[in-house]
Amino acid sequence: MRALALACSLNSSPAPSSSQHLAAQVMAQFARHDVQGEIVRVADHDVRPGIGVDMGDGDAWPAIREKVMAADILLIATPIWLGHPSSVCQRVLERLNAESSETDDQGRPHTYGKVAAVAVVGNEDGAHKVSADIFQGLNDVGFSLAPGAVTYWVGEAMQGTDYQDLDETPEAVATTTQALAANATHLARLLSDSSYPAA
């Protein structure tokens, strides 16, 4: 099985990123279940706005989309900005929207049979709202969600600690991340063995 994490930090590499840090922790848990994969920091690539599979003129999304299509599990990791997913995350969801019209020979979107999960970091409350927004978008375009499909960390309001700066991972985050990986992998294996029926 393969997993792909799209880290939706506003900063490109090599700037530190709490979203990428949490994504790496999720990927390490996937590896414990024999799921291999990679993290793509979306801000490192020229992903054009739009809802097409290929927006042309050097659009980097088609290459990222190939990785999405090759993966059994998609993890979207985002910071919280003004109570919402990052603008980079929103662009990813907009580009994934094209999958609604890309179907197999039985009329099913190519994303059917793929599992999605979410990782959220921020210094204000809002992880439930952000994950709910992303969940709805991913489900709309055909991804399946296992129980406990989100892991997150939010710091206290009006203070400046970032997740990547913590001396150790809080136990609640660690156990939630472990459950996310276990459940997502289990569902992905079930769907790999028995896909959804055509409508």
Protein backbone atom coordinates (compact mmCIF):
# COMPACT_ATOMS: atom_id res chain seq x y z
CA MET A 1 0.00 0.00 0.00
CA ARG A 2 1.08 3.57 -0.67
CA ALA A 3 0.27 6.85 1.03
CA LEU A 4 0.81 10.39 -0.17
CA ALA A 5 0.88 13.38 2.16
CA LEU A 6 0.24 16.85 0.75
CA ALA A 7 1.66 19.36 3.24
CA CYS A 8 -0.20 22.62 2.70
CA SER A 9 2.06 25.01 4.58
CA LEU A 10 2.13 28.54 3.18
CA ASN A 11 5.93 28.38 3.27
CA SER A 12 8.03 26.56 0.70
CA SER A 13 11.08 24.47 1.60
CA PRO A 14 13.43 24.71 3.39
CA ALA A 15 11.43 26.85 5.83
CA PRO A 16 10.30 24.88 8.88
CA SER A 17 6.69 23.69 8.77
CA SER A 18 4.52 22.35 11.57
CA SER A 19 2.15 20.88 8.97
CA GLN A 20 4.99 18.94 7.41
CA HIS A 21 6.23 17.90 10.86
CA LEU A 22 2.85 16.39 11.79
CA ALA A 23 2.54 14.83 8.31
CA ALA A 24 5.91 13.15 8.84
CA GLN A 25 4.68 11.71 12.14
CA VAL A 26 1.58 10.31 10.42
CA MET A 27 3.72 8.82 7.64
CA ALA A 28 5.94 7.16 10.26
CA GLN A 29 2.83 5.52 11.72
CA PHE A 30 1.74 4.39 8.25
CA ALA A 31 5.17 2.76 7.83
CA ARG A 32 4.46 0.66 10.93
CA HIS A 33 1.57 -0.85 8.92
CA ASP A 34 3.76 -1.51 5.86
CA VAL A 35 2.39 1.53 4.03
CA GLN A 36 5.10 3.39 2.14
CA GLY A 37 4.88 6.86 0.70
CA GLU A 38 6.15 10.40 0.51
CA ILE A 39 5.37 13.96 1.54
CA VAL A 40 4.93 16.68 -1.07
CA ARG A 41 5.04 20.26 0.16
CA VAL A 42 2.61 21.87 -2.25
CA ALA A 43 4.10 25.37 -1.92
CA ASP A 44 7.29 24.05 -3.53
CA HIS A 45 5.37 23.54 -6.78
CA ASP A 46 3.59 25.84 -9.20
CA VAL A 47 0.05 24.56 -8.72
CA ARG A 48 -2.22 26.81 -10.76
CA PRO A 49 -5.69 27.92 -9.67
CA GLY A 50 -8.65 26.24 -11.30
CA ILE A 51 -10.69 23.06 -11.27
CA GLY A 52 -9.11 21.27 -14.21
CA VAL A 53 -6.83 18.24 -14.25
CA ASP A 54 -4.23 20.29 -16.16
CA MET A 55 -4.35 24.09 -16.29
CA GLY A 56 -1.45 24.20 -18.78
CA ASP A 57 1.43 26.68 -18.97
CA GLY A 58 3.75 24.83 -16.58
CA ASP A 59 1.05 23.75 -14.12
CA ALA A 60 2.65 21.38 -11.58
CA TRP A 61 -0.63 19.74 -10.54
CA PRO A 62 -0.63 16.96 -13.18
CA ALA A 63 2.58 15.48 -11.71
CA ILE A 64 1.18 15.71 -8.17
CA ARG A 65 -2.11 14.22 -9.39
CA GLU A 66 -0.21 11.19 -10.71
CA LYS A 67 1.08 10.62 -7.18
CA VAL A 68 -2.46 11.00 -5.79
CA MET A 69 -3.77 8.44 -8.27
CA ALA A 70 -0.95 6.01 -7.43
CA ALA A 71 -1.67 6.23 -3.68
CA ASP A 72 -4.17 4.21 -1.69
CA ILE A 73 -4.27 6.82 1.08
CA LEU A 74 -4.15 10.61 0.76
CA LEU A 75 -3.22 12.71 3.79
CA ILE A 76 -3.81 16.45 3.66
CA ALA A 77 -1.91 18.40 6.31
CA THR A 78 -2.76 22.06 6.84
CA PRO A 79 -2.29 24.88 9.28
CA ILE A 80 -5.25 26.88 10.54
CA TRP A 81 -5.39 30.46 9.22
CA LEU A 82 -8.19 32.74 10.40
CA GLY A 83 -10.21 29.68 11.36
CA HIS A 84 -9.89 28.04 7.93
CA PRO A 85 -7.58 25.64 6.08
CA SER A 86 -4.66 27.38 4.40
CA SER A 87 -5.13 28.89 0.95
CA VAL A 88 -2.75 26.21 -0.35
CA CYS A 89 -5.05 23.51 1.06
CA GLN A 90 -8.05 25.19 -0.53
CA ARG A 91 -6.28 25.17 -3.88
CA VAL A 92 -5.59 21.45 -3.51
CA LEU A 93 -9.29 20.82 -2.85
CA GLU A 94 -10.21 22.93 -5.88
CA ARG A 95 -7.86 20.93 -8.09
CA LEU A 96 -9.19 17.65 -6.70
CA ASN A 97 -12.65 18.82 -7.69
CA ALA A 98 -11.75 17.90 -11.27
CA GLU A 99 -11.89 14.24 -10.23
CA SER A 100 -15.68 14.45 -10.11
CA SER A 101 -15.74 14.28 -13.90
CA GLU A 102 -12.83 11.84 -14.36
CA THR A 103 -14.36 8.36 -14.24
CA ASP A 104 -13.47 4.75 -14.92
CA ASP A 105 -15.22 2.55 -17.49
CA GLN A 106 -18.03 1.92 -14.97
CA GLY A 107 -18.66 5.61 -14.34
CA ARG A 108 -16.96 5.78 -10.94
CA PRO A 109 -14.51 8.59 -10.10
CA HIS A 110 -10.92 7.34 -9.98
CA THR A 111 -10.83 8.41 -6.32
CA TYR A 112 -13.39 5.75 -5.36
CA GLY A 113 -11.56 3.13 -3.36
CA LYS A 114 -9.05 5.66 -2.03
CA VAL A 115 -8.95 6.66 1.62
CA ALA A 116 -8.28 10.18 2.90
CA ALA A 117 -7.15 11.57 6.24
CA VAL A 118 -6.34 15.01 7.61
CA ALA A 119 -3.70 16.54 9.90
CA VAL A 120 -4.23 20.04 11.32
CA VAL A 121 -1.97 22.37 13.30
CA GLY A 122 -2.52 25.86 14.65
CA ASN A 123 -2.30 28.23 17.55
CA GLU A 124 -6.01 28.88 17.85
CA ASP A 125 -8.95 26.55 18.25
CA GLY A 126 -10.56 25.47 15.01
CA ALA A 127 -9.23 22.00 14.20
CA HIS A 128 -12.72 20.44 14.15
CA LYS A 129 -14.07 23.09 11.79
CA VAL A 130 -11.04 22.86 9.49
CA SER A 131 -11.13 19.06 9.36
CA ALA A 132 -14.89 19.14 8.71
CA ASP A 133 -14.35 21.47 5.73
CA ILE A 134 -11.67 19.22 4.28
CA PHE A 135 -13.62 16.02 5.02
CA GLN A 136 -16.62 17.31 3.07
CA GLY A 137 -14.51 18.32 0.09
CA LEU A 138 -12.66 15.01 -0.02
CA ASN A 139 -15.84 12.99 0.34
CA ASP A 140 -17.53 15.05 -2.39
CA VAL A 141 -14.85 13.99 -4.87
CA GLY A 142 -14.95 10.30 -3.93
CA PHE A 143 -12.53 9.66 -1.07
CA SER A 144 -13.56 7.47 1.87
CA LEU A 145 -12.94 8.37 5.51
CA ALA A 146 -12.16 5.90 8.26
CA PRO A 147 -13.20 6.52 11.87
CA GLY A 148 -10.82 8.98 13.53
CA ALA A 149 -9.60 10.34 10.20
CA VAL A 150 -7.97 13.44 11.71
CA THR A 151 -5.08 14.16 14.03
CA TYR A 152 -4.39 17.67 15.24
CA TRP A 153 -2.63 19.97 17.64
CA VAL A 154 -3.72 23.48 18.59
CA GLY A 155 -1.89 25.67 21.05
CA GLU A 156 -3.31 28.18 23.46
CA ALA A 157 -4.99 31.27 22.04
CA MET A 158 -2.82 34.34 21.50
CA GLN A 159 0.57 32.72 22.03
CA GLY A 160 3.31 31.85 19.59
CA THR A 161 4.35 28.23 20.14
CA ASP A 162 4.41 26.13 16.97
CA TYR A 163 3.89 22.39 16.94
CA GLN A 164 7.33 21.81 15.45
CA ASP A 165 8.89 23.65 18.43
CA LEU A 166 7.50 21.31 21.11
CA ASP A 167 10.11 19.31 23.01
CA GLU A 168 7.98 16.18 22.70
CA THR A 169 4.77 15.10 21.05
CA PRO A 170 1.80 15.31 23.43
CA GLU A 171 0.47 11.85 24.28
CA ALA A 172 -3.02 12.69 23.03
CA VAL A 173 -1.64 13.68 19.62
CA ALA A 174 0.57 10.59 19.43
CA THR A 175 -2.24 8.17 20.21
CA THR A 176 -4.64 9.94 17.84
CA THR A 177 -2.03 9.78 15.07
CA GLN A 178 -1.55 6.06 15.70
CA ALA A 179 -5.30 5.44 15.47
CA LEU A 180 -5.59 7.48 12.26
CA ALA A 181 -2.87 5.41 10.59
CA ALA A 182 -4.30 2.08 11.77
CA ASN A 183 -7.87 2.86 10.74
CA ALA A 184 -7.00 4.44 7.40
CA THR A 185 -4.77 1.50 6.49
CA HIS A 186 -7.44 -1.01 7.49
CA LEU A 187 -10.07 0.71 5.35
CA ALA A 188 -7.69 1.08 2.40
CA ARG A 189 -6.96 -2.66 2.49
CA LEU A 190 -10.67 -3.48 2.62
CA LEU A 191 -11.37 -1.23 -0.37
CA SER A 192 -8.41 -2.65 -2.26
CA ASP A 193 -9.90 -6.14 -1.88
CA SER A 194 -13.48 -5.08 -2.62
CA SER A 195 -14.18 -1.84 -4.47
CA TYR A 196 -17.43 0.11 -4.38
CA PRO A 197 -20.05 -1.08 -6.89
CA ALA A 198 -20.90 0.98 -9.94
CA ALA A 199 -24.11 3.00 -9.60
